[in-house]
Amino acid sequence: MADLFISQEQYDDMVEKLILQVEDSGYRFDCLLCLARGGVRVGDIFSRVHDRPLAILATSSYREAAGQVQGELDIASFITTTGGEMAGRMLLVDDMVDSGKTIVKVIEHLKRRYPAVTDIRVAVLWWKAHSVIKPDYWVQYLENNPWIHQPFERYDAMGIEALRRLQQEKEVKSIG
């Protein structure tokens, strides 16, 4: 299983393709929910393009080994939103469906906690073959289940002092 490295330009292009795929499907969502952390960037761009409020549900399972080992899933008790009640047709966005366990549990959680939500569709950038669930919308299907290195993951294990050194190096290069 080879790793997949994604540049910022590739990432942005995939988000745009996903937005157009959902639009071209004819699905009209009443509320937009992203999963934090991975879905926040995707959800933010969906929100901007559609001029709709973005709701955020924090989840976490990849915390060990700089975020590369899946542990027990934590789902926040509440959704953060400025867009009113979660009701009607929901578009649930995330960066990927890996094992699929997070999406399955989140959908169960949403159905229990938000009975006014009548339909939930899932939109992701990557869908891995070993997933237990098939998303409604995806940009890239990954048969070999690679570890995906997204452009912002360079910050995962960086720490504040390494960030400070990085910025100092950039300043020295810009002067000289």
C-alpha atoms as a PDB file:
ATOM      1  CA  MET A   1       0.000   0.000   0.000  1.00  0.00           C
ATOM      2  CA  ALA A   2       1.685   3.178  -1.222  1.00  0.00           C
ATOM      3  CA  ASP A   3       1.003   6.512   0.405  1.00  0.00           C
ATOM      4  CA  LEU A   4      -0.884   9.165  -1.543  1.00  0.00           C
ATOM      5  CA  PHE A   5       0.490  12.715  -1.322  1.00  0.00           C
ATOM      6  CA  ILE A   6      -1.919  15.558  -2.152  1.00  0.00           C
ATOM      7  CA  SER A   7      -0.831  19.126  -2.887  1.00  0.00           C
ATOM      8  CA  GLN A   8      -2.921  22.136  -1.894  1.00  0.00           C
ATOM      9  CA  GLU A   9      -3.830  22.703  -5.545  1.00  0.00           C
ATOM     10  CA  GLN A  10      -4.968  19.090  -5.955  1.00  0.00           C
ATOM     11  CA  TYR A  11      -6.958  19.320  -2.729  1.00  0.00           C
ATOM     12  CA  ASP A  12      -8.750  22.503  -3.812  1.00  0.00           C
ATOM     13  CA  ASP A  13      -9.516  20.980  -7.220  1.00  0.00           C
ATOM     14  CA  MET A  14     -11.051  17.906  -5.580  1.00  0.00           C
ATOM     15  CA  VAL A  15     -13.270  20.040  -3.323  1.00  0.00           C
ATOM     16  CA  GLU A  16     -14.503  21.978  -6.352  1.00  0.00           C
ATOM     17  CA  LYS A  17     -15.240  18.750  -8.230  1.00  0.00           C
ATOM     18  CA  LEU A  18     -17.192  17.427  -5.236  1.00  0.00           C
ATOM     19  CA  ILE A  19     -19.286  20.593  -5.002  1.00  0.00           C
ATOM     20  CA  LEU A  20     -20.140  20.372  -8.698  1.00  0.00           C
ATOM     21  CA  GLN A  21     -20.951  16.660  -8.411  1.00  0.00           C
ATOM     22  CA  VAL A  22     -23.486  17.315  -5.644  1.00  0.00           C
ATOM     23  CA  GLU A  23     -24.947  20.252  -7.568  1.00  0.00           C
ATOM     24  CA  ASP A  24     -25.220  18.274 -10.806  1.00  0.00           C
ATOM     25  CA  SER A  25     -26.987  15.422  -8.981  1.00  0.00           C
ATOM     26  CA  GLY A  26     -29.924  17.732  -8.282  1.00  0.00           C
ATOM     27  CA  TYR A  27     -29.795  17.138  -4.523  1.00  0.00           C
ATOM     28  CA  ARG A  28     -31.016  20.216  -2.671  1.00  0.00           C
ATOM     29  CA  PHE A  29     -29.921  20.172   0.948  1.00  0.00           C
ATOM     30  CA  ASP A  30     -31.534  22.194   3.720  1.00  0.00           C
ATOM     31  CA  CYS A  31     -28.590  21.947   6.098  1.00  0.00           C
ATOM     32  CA  LEU A  32     -24.876  21.456   5.641  1.00  0.00           C
ATOM     33  CA  LEU A  33     -22.910  19.569   8.298  1.00  0.00           C
ATOM     34  CA  CYS A  34     -19.198  18.871   8.282  1.00  0.00           C
ATOM     35  CA  LEU A  35     -17.204  16.598  10.534  1.00  0.00           C
ATOM     36  CA  ALA A  36     -14.291  18.205  12.326  1.00  0.00           C
ATOM     37  CA  ARG A  37     -11.484  18.024  11.751  1.00  0.00           C
ATOM     38  CA  GLY A  38     -11.147  16.541   8.274  1.00  0.00           C
ATOM     39  CA  GLY A  39     -14.395  17.851   6.844  1.00  0.00           C
ATOM     40  CA  VAL A  40     -14.048  21.447   8.018  1.00  0.00           C
ATOM     41  CA  ARG A  41     -12.094  22.653   4.989  1.00  0.00           C
ATOM     42  CA  VAL A  42     -14.455  20.841   2.613  1.00  0.00           C
ATOM     43  CA  GLY A  43     -17.521  22.141   4.457  1.00  0.00           C
ATOM     44  CA  ASP A  44     -16.184  25.691   4.559  1.00  0.00           C
ATOM     45  CA  ILE A  45     -15.864  25.820   0.776  1.00  0.00           C
ATOM     46  CA  PHE A  46     -19.306  24.213   0.291  1.00  0.00           C
ATOM     47  CA  SER A  47     -20.718  26.854   2.639  1.00  0.00           C
ATOM     48  CA  ARG A  48     -19.060  29.726   0.769  1.00  0.00           C
ATOM     49  CA  VAL A  49     -20.089  28.516  -2.703  1.00  0.00           C
ATOM     50  CA  HIS A  50     -23.686  27.854  -1.648  1.00  0.00           C
ATOM     51  CA  ASP A  51     -23.877  30.890   0.667  1.00  0.00           C
ATOM     52  CA  ARG A  52     -25.277  28.712   3.454  1.00  0.00           C
ATOM     53  CA  PRO A  53     -24.431  28.395   7.122  1.00  0.00           C
ATOM     54  CA  LEU A  54     -22.059  25.596   8.023  1.00  0.00           C
ATOM     55  CA  ALA A  55     -22.793  23.332  10.951  1.00  0.00           C
ATOM     56  CA  ILE A  56     -19.888  21.509  12.579  1.00  0.00           C
ATOM     57  CA  LEU A  57     -19.878  18.247  14.515  1.00  0.00           C
ATOM     58  CA  ALA A  58     -16.587  17.397  16.176  1.00  0.00           C
ATOM     59  CA  THR A  59     -15.472  13.789  15.965  1.00  0.00           C
ATOM     60  CA  SER A  60     -12.139  12.213  16.730  1.00  0.00           C
ATOM     61  CA  SER A  61     -10.678   8.766  16.322  1.00  0.00           C
ATOM     62  CA  TYR A  62      -7.257   9.308  14.702  1.00  0.00           C
ATOM     63  CA  ARG A  63      -5.196  10.609  17.614  1.00  0.00           C
ATOM     64  CA  GLU A  64      -2.215   8.278  17.942  1.00  0.00           C
ATOM     65  CA  ALA A  65       1.025   8.203  15.896  1.00  0.00           C
ATOM     66  CA  ALA A  66       0.590  11.763  14.567  1.00  0.00           C
ATOM     67  CA  GLY A  67      -2.998  10.987  13.605  1.00  0.00           C
ATOM     68  CA  GLN A  68      -2.296   7.760  11.712  1.00  0.00           C
ATOM     69  CA  VAL A  69      -3.758   5.196  14.116  1.00  0.00           C
ATOM     70  CA  GLN A  70      -7.523   4.891  14.571  1.00  0.00           C
ATOM     71  CA  GLY A  71      -8.685   4.570  18.154  1.00  0.00           C
ATOM     72  CA  GLU A  72     -12.045   4.812  19.867  1.00  0.00           C
ATOM     73  CA  LEU A  73     -14.496   7.240  18.268  1.00  0.00           C
ATOM     74  CA  ASP A  74     -15.577  10.342  20.184  1.00  0.00           C
ATOM     75  CA  ILE A  75     -18.602  12.295  18.906  1.00  0.00           C
ATOM     76  CA  ALA A  76     -19.388  15.698  20.392  1.00  0.00           C
ATOM     77  CA  SER A  77     -22.699  16.047  22.186  1.00  0.00           C
ATOM     78  CA  PHE A  78     -23.739  19.158  20.255  1.00  0.00           C
ATOM     79  CA  ILE A  79     -23.556  20.595  16.759  1.00  0.00           C
ATOM     80  CA  THR A  80     -22.194  24.118  16.412  1.00  0.00           C
ATOM     81  CA  THR A  81     -24.134  26.223  13.938  1.00  0.00           C
ATOM     82  CA  THR A  82     -25.551  29.665  13.361  1.00  0.00           C
ATOM     83  CA  GLY A  83     -28.057  28.345  10.845  1.00  0.00           C
ATOM     84  CA  GLY A  84     -30.933  27.342  13.079  1.00  0.00           C
ATOM     85  CA  GLU A  85     -32.361  23.868  13.542  1.00  0.00           C
ATOM     86  CA  MET A  86     -30.941  20.747  11.909  1.00  0.00           C
ATOM     87  CA  ALA A  87     -33.927  19.660   9.852  1.00  0.00           C
ATOM     88  CA  GLY A  88     -34.915  18.390   6.426  1.00  0.00           C
ATOM     89  CA  ARG A  89     -32.351  17.191   3.912  1.00  0.00           C
ATOM     90  CA  MET A  90     -28.790  17.154   5.250  1.00  0.00           C
ATOM     91  CA  LEU A  91     -25.544  17.047   3.331  1.00  0.00           C
ATOM     92  CA  LEU A  92     -22.865  15.535   5.555  1.00  0.00           C
ATOM     93  CA  VAL A  93     -19.355  16.348   4.319  1.00  0.00           C
ATOM     94  CA  ASP A  94     -15.996  14.955   5.347  1.00  0.00           C
ATOM     95  CA  ASP A  95     -12.619  14.531   3.736  1.00  0.00           C
ATOM     96  CA  MET A  96     -12.864  10.764   3.363  1.00  0.00           C
ATOM     97  CA  VAL A  97     -14.605   7.537   4.134  1.00  0.00           C
ATOM     98  CA  ASP A  98     -11.770   5.350   5.374  1.00  0.00           C
ATOM     99  CA  SER A  99     -13.067   2.392   7.390  1.00  0.00           C
ATOM    100  CA  GLY A 100     -16.540   3.973   7.265  1.00  0.00           C
ATOM    101  CA  LYS A 101     -17.059   3.376  10.973  1.00  0.00           C
ATOM    102  CA  THR A 102     -17.100   7.098  11.811  1.00  0.00           C
ATOM    103  CA  ILE A 103     -19.727   7.940   9.176  1.00  0.00           C
ATOM    104  CA  VAL A 104     -21.931   5.007  10.199  1.00  0.00           C
ATOM    105  CA  LYS A 105     -21.835   6.003  13.873  1.00  0.00           C
ATOM    106  CA  VAL A 106     -22.354   9.689  13.082  1.00  0.00           C
ATOM    107  CA  ILE A 107     -25.417   8.913  10.964  1.00  0.00           C
ATOM    108  CA  GLU A 108     -26.833   6.783  13.809  1.00  0.00           C
ATOM    109  CA  HIS A 109     -26.095   9.645  16.228  1.00  0.00           C
ATOM    110  CA  LEU A 110     -27.787  12.210  13.965  1.00  0.00           C
ATOM    111  CA  LYS A 111     -30.901  10.082  13.480  1.00  0.00           C
ATOM    112  CA  ARG A 112     -31.222   9.676  17.260  1.00  0.00           C
ATOM    113  CA  ARG A 113     -30.495  13.279  18.237  1.00  0.00           C
ATOM    114  CA  TYR A 114     -32.068  15.146  15.296  1.00  0.00           C
ATOM    115  CA  PRO A 115     -35.324  13.451  14.274  1.00  0.00           C
ATOM    116  CA  ALA A 116     -36.298  16.479  12.150  1.00  0.00           C
ATOM    117  CA  VAL A 117     -33.543  15.487   9.701  1.00  0.00           C
ATOM    118  CA  THR A 118     -35.404  13.512   7.029  1.00  0.00           C
ATOM    119  CA  ASP A 119     -32.548  12.565   4.701  1.00  0.00           C
ATOM    120  CA  ILE A 120     -28.759  12.374   5.059  1.00  0.00           C
ATOM    121  CA  ARG A 121     -26.402  12.173   2.114  1.00  0.00           C
ATOM    122  CA  VAL A 122     -22.649  11.846   2.451  1.00  0.00           C
ATOM    123  CA  ALA A 123     -20.109  13.706   0.297  1.00  0.00           C
ATOM    124  CA  VAL A 124     -16.363  13.033   0.574  1.00  0.00           C
ATOM    125  CA  LEU A 125     -13.194  13.572  -1.407  1.00  0.00           C
ATOM    126  CA  TRP A 126     -11.907  10.007  -0.994  1.00  0.00           C
ATOM    127  CA  TRP A 127     -13.713   6.687  -0.620  1.00  0.00           C
ATOM    128  CA  LYS A 128     -11.482   3.779   0.374  1.00  0.00           C
ATOM    129  CA  ALA A 129     -12.320   0.272  -0.820  1.00  0.00           C
ATOM    130  CA  HIS A 130     -12.271  -1.265   2.663  1.00  0.00           C
ATOM    131  CA  SER A 131     -15.027   1.041   3.900  1.00  0.00           C
ATOM    132  CA  VAL A 132     -18.186  -0.503   5.344  1.00  0.00           C
ATOM    133  CA  ILE A 133     -20.300   2.263   3.775  1.00  0.00           C
ATOM    134  CA  LYS A 134     -20.529   3.755   0.290  1.00  0.00           C
ATOM    135  CA  PRO A 135     -20.838   7.553   0.257  1.00  0.00           C
ATOM    136  CA  ASP A 136     -23.408   9.200  -1.991  1.00  0.00           C
ATOM    137  CA  TYR A 137     -20.798  11.462  -3.574  1.00  0.00           C
ATOM    138  CA  TRP A 138     -17.029  11.063  -3.880  1.00  0.00           C
ATOM    139  CA  VAL A 139     -14.257  12.345  -6.096  1.00  0.00           C
ATOM    140  CA  GLN A 140     -11.743   9.514  -5.923  1.00  0.00           C
ATOM    141  CA  TYR A 141     -12.254   5.816  -5.170  1.00  0.00           C
ATOM    142  CA  LEU A 142      -9.103   4.241  -3.725  1.00  0.00           C
ATOM    143  CA  GLU A 143      -8.887   0.519  -4.385  1.00  0.00           C
ATOM    144  CA  ASN A 144      -5.630   0.013  -2.458  1.00  0.00           C
ATOM    145  CA  ASN A 145      -6.598   1.987   0.697  1.00  0.00           C
ATOM    146  CA  PRO A 146      -3.482   4.211   0.859  1.00  0.00           C
ATOM    147  CA  TRP A 147      -2.629   6.542   3.689  1.00  0.00           C
ATOM    148  CA  ILE A 148      -3.508  10.011   2.356  1.00  0.00           C
ATOM    149  CA  HIS A 149      -1.137  12.854   3.172  1.00  0.00           C
ATOM    150  CA  GLN A 150      -3.197  16.030   2.926  1.00  0.00           C
ATOM    151  CA  PRO A 151      -1.396  19.370   2.502  1.00  0.00           C
ATOM    152  CA  PHE A 152      -2.192  20.674   5.986  1.00  0.00           C
ATOM    153  CA  GLU A 153      -1.042  17.521   7.806  1.00  0.00           C
ATOM    154  CA  ARG A 154       2.456  18.976   8.018  1.00  0.00           C
ATOM    155  CA  TYR A 155       1.166  20.719  11.143  1.00  0.00           C
ATOM    156  CA  ASP A 156       0.035  17.528  12.925  1.00  0.00           C
ATOM    157  CA  ALA A 157       3.252  16.840  14.796  1.00  0.00           C
ATOM    158  CA  MET A 158       4.987  20.171  14.230  1.00  0.00           C
ATOM    159  CA  GLY A 159       4.554  21.933  17.552  1.00  0.00           C
ATOM    160  CA  ILE A 160       4.984  25.636  18.197  1.00  0.00           C
ATOM    161  CA  GLU A 161       8.796  25.696  18.307  1.00  0.00           C
ATOM    162  CA  ALA A 162       9.141  23.945  14.950  1.00  0.00           C
ATOM    163  CA  LEU A 163       6.629  26.412  13.494  1.00  0.00           C
ATOM    164  CA  ARG A 164       8.661  29.290  14.918  1.00  0.00           C
ATOM    165  CA  ARG A 165      11.855  27.911  13.291  1.00  0.00           C
ATOM    166  CA  LEU A 166      10.043  27.453   9.971  1.00  0.00           C
ATOM    167  CA  GLN A 167       8.903  31.073   9.989  1.00  0.00           C
ATOM    168  CA  GLN A 168      12.387  32.303  10.923  1.00  0.00           C
ATOM    169  CA  GLU A 169      13.876  30.342   8.021  1.00  0.00           C
ATOM    170  CA  LYS A 170      11.339  31.899   5.644  1.00  0.00           C
ATOM    171  CA  GLU A 171      12.181  35.366   6.901  1.00  0.00           C
ATOM    172  CA  VAL A 172      15.917  34.770   6.388  1.00  0.00           C
ATOM    173  CA  LYS A 173      15.278  33.536   2.804  1.00  0.00           C
ATOM    174  CA  SER A 174      13.111  36.556   1.987  1.00  0.00           C
ATOM    175  CA  ILE A 175      15.806  38.966   3.234  1.00  0.00           C
ATOM    176  CA  GLY A 176      18.754  37.259   1.544  1.00  0.00           C
END
